[in-house]
PDB file of N, CA and C in Angstrom:
ATOM      1  N   MET A   1     -13.516  -5.020 -17.489  1.00  0.00           N
ATOM      2  CA  MET A   1     -12.883  -6.311 -17.743  1.00  0.00           C
ATOM      3  C   MET A   1     -13.014  -7.195 -16.508  1.00  0.00           C
ATOM      4  N   GLU A   2     -13.542  -8.389 -16.685  1.00  0.00           N
ATOM      5  CA  GLU A   2     -13.760  -9.292 -15.575  1.00  0.00           C
ATOM      6  C   GLU A   2     -12.506 -10.113 -15.305  1.00  0.00           C
ATOM      7  N   ASN A   3     -12.184 -10.254 -14.010  1.00  0.00           N
ATOM      8  CA  ASN A   3     -11.014 -11.032 -13.622  1.00  0.00           C
ATOM      9  C   ASN A   3     -11.384 -12.513 -13.630  1.00  0.00           C
ATOM     10  N   THR A   4     -10.555 -13.351 -14.247  1.00  0.00           N
ATOM     11  CA  THR A   4     -10.867 -14.765 -14.369  1.00  0.00           C
ATOM     12  C   THR A   4     -10.263 -15.604 -13.241  1.00  0.00           C
ATOM     13  N   LYS A   5      -9.469 -15.024 -12.369  1.00  0.00           N
ATOM     14  CA  LYS A   5      -8.894 -15.783 -11.266  1.00  0.00           C
ATOM     15  C   LYS A   5      -9.979 -16.153 -10.263  1.00  0.00           C
ATOM     16  N   SER A   6      -9.944 -17.392  -9.811  1.00  0.00           N
ATOM     17  CA  SER A   6     -10.964 -17.903  -8.913  1.00  0.00           C
ATOM     18  C   SER A   6     -10.569 -17.697  -7.450  1.00  0.00           C
ATOM     19  N   GLY A   7     -11.529 -17.275  -6.646  1.00  0.00           N
ATOM     20  CA  GLY A   7     -11.328 -17.167  -5.200  1.00  0.00           C
ATOM     21  C   GLY A   7     -11.410 -18.511  -4.513  1.00  0.00           C
ATOM     22  N   LYS A   8     -11.626 -19.575  -5.296  1.00  0.00           N
ATOM     23  CA  LYS A   8     -11.732 -20.925  -4.743  1.00  0.00           C
ATOM     24  C   LYS A   8     -10.400 -21.665  -4.746  1.00  0.00           C
ATOM     25  N   LYS A   9      -9.369 -21.074  -5.397  1.00  0.00           N
ATOM     26  CA  LYS A   9      -8.035 -21.692  -5.452  1.00  0.00           C
ATOM     27  C   LYS A   9      -7.069 -20.908  -4.570  1.00  0.00           C
ATOM     28  N   ARG A  10      -6.448 -21.594  -3.631  1.00  0.00           N
ATOM     29  CA  ARG A  10      -5.533 -20.945  -2.695  1.00  0.00           C
ATOM     30  C   ARG A  10      -4.343 -20.311  -3.421  1.00  0.00           C
ATOM     31  N   SER A  11      -3.905 -20.919  -4.511  1.00  0.00           N
ATOM     32  CA  SER A  11      -2.739 -20.408  -5.241  1.00  0.00           C
ATOM     33  C   SER A  11      -3.002 -19.038  -5.870  1.00  0.00           C
ATOM     34  N   ASN A  12      -4.264 -18.658  -6.034  1.00  0.00           N
ATOM     35  CA  ASN A  12      -4.609 -17.351  -6.593  1.00  0.00           C
ATOM     36  C   ASN A  12      -4.603 -16.235  -5.550  1.00  0.00           C
ATOM     37  N   ILE A  13      -4.591 -16.606  -4.276  1.00  0.00           N
ATOM     38  CA  ILE A  13      -4.707 -15.630  -3.192  1.00  0.00           C
ATOM     39  C   ILE A  13      -3.314 -15.311  -2.656  1.00  0.00           C
ATOM     40  N   LYS A  14      -3.005 -14.042  -2.563  1.00  0.00           N
ATOM     41  CA  LYS A  14      -1.711 -13.588  -2.049  1.00  0.00           C
ATOM     42  C   LYS A  14      -1.934 -12.531  -0.973  1.00  0.00           C
ATOM     43  N   ILE A  15      -1.005 -12.438  -0.023  1.00  0.00           N
ATOM     44  CA  ILE A  15      -1.052 -11.399   0.999  1.00  0.00           C
ATOM     45  C   ILE A  15      -0.989 -10.037   0.298  1.00  0.00           C
ATOM     46  N   GLY A  16      -1.857  -9.124   0.708  1.00  0.00           N
ATOM     47  CA  GLY A  16      -1.871  -7.791   0.129  1.00  0.00           C
ATOM     48  C   GLY A  16      -2.790  -7.644  -1.077  1.00  0.00           C
ATOM     49  N   LEU A  17      -3.374  -8.736  -1.550  1.00  0.00           N
ATOM     50  CA  LEU A  17      -4.260  -8.711  -2.700  1.00  0.00           C
ATOM     51  C   LEU A  17      -5.596  -8.062  -2.334  1.00  0.00           C
ATOM     52  N   LEU A  18      -6.149  -7.282  -3.234  1.00  0.00           N
ATOM     53  CA  LEU A  18      -7.457  -6.657  -3.033  1.00  0.00           C
ATOM     54  C   LEU A  18      -8.540  -7.648  -3.458  1.00  0.00           C
ATOM     55  N   VAL A  19      -9.441  -7.976  -2.512  1.00  0.00           N
ATOM     56  CA  VAL A  19     -10.477  -8.982  -2.756  1.00  0.00           C
ATOM     57  C   VAL A  19     -11.816  -8.513  -2.207  1.00  0.00           C
ATOM     58  N   GLU A  20     -12.869  -9.221  -2.592  1.00  0.00           N
ATOM     59  CA  GLU A  20     -14.174  -9.076  -1.968  1.00  0.00           C
ATOM     60  C   GLU A  20     -14.490 -10.402  -1.295  1.00  0.00           C
ATOM     61  N   ILE A  21     -14.912 -10.330  -0.029  1.00  0.00           N
ATOM     62  CA  ILE A  21     -15.249 -11.532   0.731  1.00  0.00           C
ATOM     63  C   ILE A  21     -16.701 -11.461   1.176  1.00  0.00           C
ATOM     64  N   VAL A  22     -17.246 -12.627   1.515  1.00  0.00           N
ATOM     65  CA  VAL A  22     -18.538 -12.676   2.188  1.00  0.00           C
ATOM     66  C   VAL A  22     -18.265 -13.213   3.594  1.00  0.00           C
ATOM     67  N   GLU A  23     -18.665 -12.428   4.592  1.00  0.00           N
ATOM     68  CA  GLU A  23     -18.508 -12.843   5.982  1.00  0.00           C
ATOM     69  C   GLU A  23     -19.616 -13.825   6.346  1.00  0.00           C
ATOM     70  N   LYS A  24     -19.374 -14.652   7.379  1.00  0.00           N
ATOM     71  CA  LYS A  24     -20.315 -15.703   7.773  1.00  0.00           C
ATOM     72  C   LYS A  24     -21.724 -15.137   7.986  1.00  0.00           C
ATOM     73  N   HIS A  25     -21.840 -14.016   8.697  1.00  0.00           N
ATOM     74  CA  HIS A  25     -23.157 -13.464   8.998  1.00  0.00           C
ATOM     75  C   HIS A  25     -23.835 -12.831   7.778  1.00  0.00           C
ATOM     76  N   ASN A  26     -23.110 -12.716   6.669  1.00  0.00           N
ATOM     77  CA  ASN A  26     -23.677 -12.163   5.434  1.00  0.00           C
ATOM     78  C   ASN A  26     -23.886 -13.220   4.346  1.00  0.00           C
ATOM     79  N   GLN A  27     -23.693 -14.489   4.689  1.00  0.00           N
ATOM     80  CA  GLN A  27     -23.816 -15.530   3.670  1.00  0.00           C
ATOM     81  C   GLN A  27     -25.226 -15.600   3.090  1.00  0.00           C
ATOM     82  N   GLN A  28     -26.240 -15.362   3.907  1.00  0.00           N
ATOM     83  CA  GLN A  28     -27.623 -15.433   3.419  1.00  0.00           C
ATOM     84  C   GLN A  28     -27.954 -14.298   2.456  1.00  0.00           C
ATOM     85  N   ASN A  29     -27.514 -13.072   2.790  1.00  0.00           N
ATOM     86  CA  ASN A  29     -27.864 -11.929   1.945  1.00  0.00           C
ATOM     87  C   ASN A  29     -26.807 -11.638   0.870  1.00  0.00           C
ATOM     88  N   GLY A  30     -25.628 -12.258   0.970  1.00  0.00           N
ATOM     89  CA  GLY A  30     -24.602 -12.115  -0.056  1.00  0.00           C
ATOM     90  C   GLY A  30     -23.843 -10.799  -0.033  1.00  0.00           C
ATOM     91  N   GLU A  31     -23.974 -10.020   1.055  1.00  0.00           N
ATOM     92  CA  GLU A  31     -23.269  -8.736   1.136  1.00  0.00           C
ATOM     93  C   GLU A  31     -21.758  -8.966   1.140  1.00  0.00           C
ATOM     94  N   LEU A  32     -21.067  -8.214   0.292  1.00  0.00           N
ATOM     95  CA  LEU A  32     -19.622  -8.377   0.145  1.00  0.00           C
ATOM     96  C   LEU A  32     -18.874  -7.275   0.868  1.00  0.00           C
ATOM     97  N   THR A  33     -17.691  -7.623   1.375  1.00  0.00           N
ATOM     98  CA  THR A  33     -16.792  -6.686   2.034  1.00  0.00           C
ATOM     99  C   THR A  33     -15.492  -6.650   1.255  1.00  0.00           C
ATOM    100  N   GLU A  34     -15.036  -5.453   0.899  1.00  0.00           N
ATOM    101  CA  GLU A  34     -13.807  -5.285   0.124  1.00  0.00           C
ATOM    102  C   GLU A  34     -12.650  -4.975   1.059  1.00  0.00           C
ATOM    103  N   GLY A  35     -11.485  -5.542   0.756  1.00  0.00           N
ATOM    104  CA  GLY A  35     -10.307  -5.241   1.552  1.00  0.00           C
ATOM    105  C   GLY A  35      -9.082  -5.975   1.044  1.00  0.00           C
ATOM    106  N   PHE A  36      -7.977  -5.744   1.754  1.00  0.00           N
ATOM    107  CA  PHE A  36      -6.703  -6.354   1.392  1.00  0.00           C
ATOM    108  C   PHE A  36      -6.426  -7.549   2.295  1.00  0.00           C
ATOM    109  N   VAL A  37      -5.940  -8.639   1.707  1.00  0.00           N
ATOM    110  CA  VAL A  37      -5.674  -9.871   2.448  1.00  0.00           C
ATOM    111  C   VAL A  37      -4.508  -9.671   3.414  1.00  0.00           C
ATOM    112  N   LYS A  38      -4.756  -9.984   4.676  1.00  0.00           N
ATOM    113  CA  LYS A  38      -3.708  -9.957   5.704  1.00  0.00           C
ATOM    114  C   LYS A  38      -3.188 -11.373   5.972  1.00  0.00           C
ATOM    115  N   ARG A  39      -4.123 -12.345   6.058  1.00  0.00           N
ATOM    116  CA  ARG A  39      -3.751 -13.740   6.316  1.00  0.00           C
ATOM    117  C   ARG A  39      -4.636 -14.661   5.492  1.00  0.00           C
ATOM    118  N   ILE A  40      -4.075 -15.779   5.068  1.00  0.00           N
ATOM    119  CA  ILE A  40      -4.837 -16.826   4.390  1.00  0.00           C
ATOM    120  C   ILE A  40      -5.114 -17.908   5.429  1.00  0.00           C
ATOM    121  N   LEU A  41      -6.388 -18.183   5.691  1.00  0.00           N
ATOM    122  CA  LEU A  41      -6.768 -19.080   6.778  1.00  0.00           C
ATOM    123  C   LEU A  41      -7.071 -20.506   6.318  1.00  0.00           C
ATOM    124  N   THR A  42      -7.418 -20.699   5.058  1.00  0.00           N
ATOM    125  CA  THR A  42      -7.690 -22.037   4.526  1.00  0.00           C
ATOM    126  C   THR A  42      -6.364 -22.708   4.187  1.00  0.00           C
ATOM    127  N   ASN A  43      -6.190 -23.934   4.667  1.00  0.00           N
ATOM    128  CA  ASN A  43      -4.946 -24.670   4.405  1.00  0.00           C
ATOM    129  C   ASN A  43      -5.004 -25.511   3.136  1.00  0.00           C
ATOM    130  N   SER A  44      -6.202 -25.940   2.731  1.00  0.00           N
ATOM    131  CA  SER A  44      -6.311 -26.806   1.551  1.00  0.00           C
ATOM    132  C   SER A  44      -6.095 -26.005   0.262  1.00  0.00           C
ATOM    133  N   LYS A  45      -5.779 -26.706  -0.825  1.00  0.00           N
ATOM    134  CA  LYS A  45      -5.491 -26.057  -2.113  1.00  0.00           C
ATOM    135  C   LYS A  45      -6.719 -25.369  -2.698  1.00  0.00           C
ATOM    136  N   THR A  46      -7.897 -25.943  -2.460  1.00  0.00           N
ATOM    137  CA  THR A  46      -9.135 -25.372  -2.974  1.00  0.00           C
ATOM    138  C   THR A  46     -10.233 -25.479  -1.920  1.00  0.00           C
ATOM    139  N   HIS A  47     -11.292 -24.687  -2.102  1.00  0.00           N
ATOM    140  CA  HIS A  47     -12.480 -24.791  -1.255  1.00  0.00           C
ATOM    141  C   HIS A  47     -13.680 -24.414  -2.118  1.00  0.00           C
ATOM    142  N   PRO A  48     -14.745 -25.208  -2.100  1.00  0.00           N
ATOM    143  CA  PRO A  48     -15.881 -24.963  -2.995  1.00  0.00           C
ATOM    144  C   PRO A  48     -16.607 -23.633  -2.756  1.00  0.00           C
ATOM    145  N   HIS A  49     -16.501 -23.078  -1.558  1.00  0.00           N
ATOM    146  CA  HIS A  49     -17.189 -21.815  -1.247  1.00  0.00           C
ATOM    147  C   HIS A  49     -16.239 -20.624  -1.214  1.00  0.00           C
ATOM    148  N   GLY A  50     -14.967 -20.847  -1.513  1.00  0.00           N
ATOM    149  CA  GLY A  50     -13.983 -19.775  -1.504  1.00  0.00           C
ATOM    150  C   GLY A  50     -12.969 -19.944  -0.383  1.00  0.00           C
ATOM    151  N   ILE A  51     -11.765 -19.468  -0.614  1.00  0.00           N
ATOM    152  CA  ILE A  51     -10.688 -19.546   0.370  1.00  0.00           C
ATOM    153  C   ILE A  51     -10.983 -18.552   1.502  1.00  0.00           C
ATOM    154  N   LYS A  52     -10.853 -19.008   2.738  1.00  0.00           N
ATOM    155  CA  LYS A  52     -11.112 -18.138   3.886  1.00  0.00           C
ATOM    156  C   LYS A  52      -9.868 -17.299   4.179  1.00  0.00           C
ATOM    157  N   VAL A  53     -10.080 -15.994   4.319  1.00  0.00           N
ATOM    158  CA  VAL A  53      -8.986 -15.063   4.586  1.00  0.00           C
ATOM    159  C   VAL A  53      -9.374 -14.091   5.689  1.00  0.00           C
ATOM    160  N   MET A  54      -8.360 -13.441   6.252  1.00  0.00           N
ATOM    161  CA  MET A  54      -8.559 -12.309   7.155  1.00  0.00           C
ATOM    162  C   MET A  54      -8.077 -11.075   6.429  1.00  0.00           C
ATOM    163  N   LEU A  55      -8.909 -10.043   6.421  1.00  0.00           N
ATOM    164  CA  LEU A  55      -8.524  -8.783   5.804  1.00  0.00           C
ATOM    165  C   LEU A  55      -7.685  -7.961   6.773  1.00  0.00           C
ATOM    166  N   GLN A  56      -6.999  -6.937   6.259  1.00  0.00           N
ATOM    167  CA  GLN A  56      -6.180  -6.068   7.108  1.00  0.00           C
ATOM    168  C   GLN A  56      -7.010  -5.383   8.186  1.00  0.00           C
ATOM    169  N   THR A  57      -8.306  -5.227   7.937  1.00  0.00           N
ATOM    170  CA  THR A  57      -9.199  -4.581   8.901  1.00  0.00           C
ATOM    171  C   THR A  57      -9.747  -5.559   9.934  1.00  0.00           C
ATOM    172  N   GLY A  58      -9.406  -6.857   9.811  1.00  0.00           N
ATOM    173  CA  GLY A  58      -9.802  -7.857  10.800  1.00  0.00           C
ATOM    174  C   GLY A  58     -10.999  -8.707  10.405  1.00  0.00           C
ATOM    175  N   GLU A  59     -11.739  -8.325   9.363  1.00  0.00           N
ATOM    176  CA  GLU A  59     -12.876  -9.136   8.940  1.00  0.00           C
ATOM    177  C   GLU A  59     -12.391 -10.465   8.375  1.00  0.00           C
ATOM    178  N   VAL A  60     -13.184 -11.524   8.638  1.00  0.00           N
ATOM    179  CA  VAL A  60     -12.857 -12.862   8.147  1.00  0.00           C
ATOM    180  C   VAL A  60     -14.007 -13.336   7.268  1.00  0.00           C
ATOM    181  N   GLY A  61     -13.659 -13.896   6.124  1.00  0.00           N
ATOM    182  CA  GLY A  61     -14.683 -14.426   5.235  1.00  0.00           C
ATOM    183  C   GLY A  61     -14.054 -15.169   4.072  1.00  0.00           C
ATOM    184  N   ARG A  62     -14.920 -15.658   3.194  1.00  0.00           N
ATOM    185  CA  ARG A  62     -14.469 -16.419   2.034  1.00  0.00           C
ATOM    186  C   ARG A  62     -14.409 -15.518   0.802  1.00  0.00           C
ATOM    187  N   VAL A  63     -13.326 -15.672   0.023  1.00  0.00           N
ATOM    188  CA  VAL A  63     -13.106 -14.830  -1.152  1.00  0.00           C
ATOM    189  C   VAL A  63     -14.138 -15.162  -2.221  1.00  0.00           C
ATOM    190  N   LYS A  64     -14.866 -14.136  -2.658  1.00  0.00           N
ATOM    191  CA  LYS A  64     -15.833 -14.273  -3.744  1.00  0.00           C
ATOM    192  C   LYS A  64     -15.289 -13.694  -5.042  1.00  0.00           C
ATOM    193  N   HIS A  65     -14.526 -12.611  -4.954  1.00  0.00           N
ATOM    194  CA  HIS A  65     -13.940 -11.988  -6.144  1.00  0.00           C
ATOM    195  C   HIS A  65     -12.532 -11.514  -5.840  1.00  0.00           C
ATOM    196  N   ILE A  66     -11.636 -11.717  -6.789  1.00  0.00           N
ATOM    197  CA  ILE A  66     -10.297 -11.139  -6.731  1.00  0.00           C
ATOM    198  C   ILE A  66     -10.342  -9.910  -7.619  1.00  0.00           C
ATOM    199  N   LEU A  67     -10.078  -8.756  -7.037  1.00  0.00           N
ATOM    200  CA  LEU A  67     -10.142  -7.513  -7.790  1.00  0.00           C
ATOM    201  C   LEU A  67      -8.801  -7.256  -8.471  1.00  0.00           C
ATOM    202  N   GLU A  68      -8.822  -6.505  -9.554  1.00  0.00           N
ATOM    203  CA  GLU A  68      -7.600  -6.228 -10.314  1.00  0.00           C
ATOM    204  C   GLU A  68      -6.577  -5.506  -9.453  1.00  0.00           C
ATOM    205  N   GLU A  69      -5.355  -6.005  -9.462  1.00  0.00           N
ATOM    206  CA  GLU A  69      -4.267  -5.296  -8.806  1.00  0.00           C
ATOM    207  C   GLU A  69      -3.428  -4.650  -9.901  1.00  0.00           C
ATOM    208  N   GLU A  70      -3.482  -3.330  -9.975  1.00  0.00           N
ATOM    209  CA  GLU A  70      -2.870  -2.610 -11.099  1.00  0.00           C
ATOM    210  C   GLU A  70      -1.401  -2.297 -10.882  1.00  0.00           C
ATOM    211  N   GLU A  71      -0.953  -2.270  -9.658  1.00  0.00           N
ATOM    212  CA  GLU A  71       0.400  -1.794  -9.366  1.00  0.00           C
ATOM    213  C   GLU A  71       1.472  -2.848  -9.542  1.00  0.00           C
ATOM    214  N   GLU A  72       1.097  -4.123  -9.582  1.00  0.00           N
ATOM    215  CA  GLU A  72       2.060  -5.216  -9.565  1.00  0.00           C
ATOM    216  C   GLU A  72       3.116  -5.095 -10.657  1.00  0.00           C
ATOM    217  N   GLU A  73       2.713  -4.832 -11.897  1.00  0.00           N
ATOM    218  CA  GLU A  73       3.668  -4.786 -12.996  1.00  0.00           C
ATOM    219  C   GLU A  73       4.179  -3.377 -13.275  1.00  0.00           C
ATOM    220  N   ASP A  74       3.594  -2.362 -12.651  1.00  0.00           N
ATOM    221  CA  ASP A  74       4.020  -0.994 -12.899  1.00  0.00           C
ATOM    222  C   ASP A  74       5.420  -0.702 -12.381  1.00  0.00           C
ATOM    223  N   PHE A  75       5.922  -1.523 -11.464  1.00  0.00           N
ATOM    224  CA  PHE A  75       7.204  -1.252 -10.855  1.00  0.00           C
ATOM    225  C   PHE A  75       8.377  -1.917 -11.571  1.00  0.00           C
ATOM    226  N   GLU A  76       8.100  -2.680 -12.631  1.00  0.00           N
ATOM    227  CA  GLU A  76       9.178  -3.313 -13.370  1.00  0.00           C
ATOM    228  C   GLU A  76       9.844  -2.269 -14.259  1.00  0.00           C
ATOM    229  N   LEU A  77      11.162  -2.215 -14.196  1.00  0.00           N
ATOM    230  CA  LEU A  77      11.922  -1.247 -14.991  1.00  0.00           C
ATOM    231  C   LEU A  77      12.807  -2.004 -15.982  1.00  0.00           C
ATOM    232  N   ASP A  78      12.891  -1.485 -17.171  1.00  0.00           N
ATOM    233  CA  ASP A  78      13.767  -2.092 -18.182  1.00  0.00           C
ATOM    234  C   ASP A  78      15.084  -1.316 -18.231  1.00  0.00           C
ATOM    235  N   PHE A  79      16.184  -2.026 -18.030  1.00  0.00           N
ATOM    236  CA  PHE A  79      17.507  -1.397 -18.085  1.00  0.00           C
ATOM    237  C   PHE A  79      18.307  -2.020 -19.193  1.00  0.00           C
TER     238      PHE A  79
END
């Protein structure tokens, strides 16, 4: 199932979200790096090439894909 959330909208990006980014030195070859968002570096609401983030591992790049986060709704309990 493909995720329809865009990496070009800042409102779709949250701290701790699992994403794939392209780092500056990989823009030509398109190599993606997977990781969890530590910081959101783009201040504008949107960016045509993707919102720039820092991953927990320190890599910086623009979000190309937002990967499914499965745990978010698993913790809701009905009482």
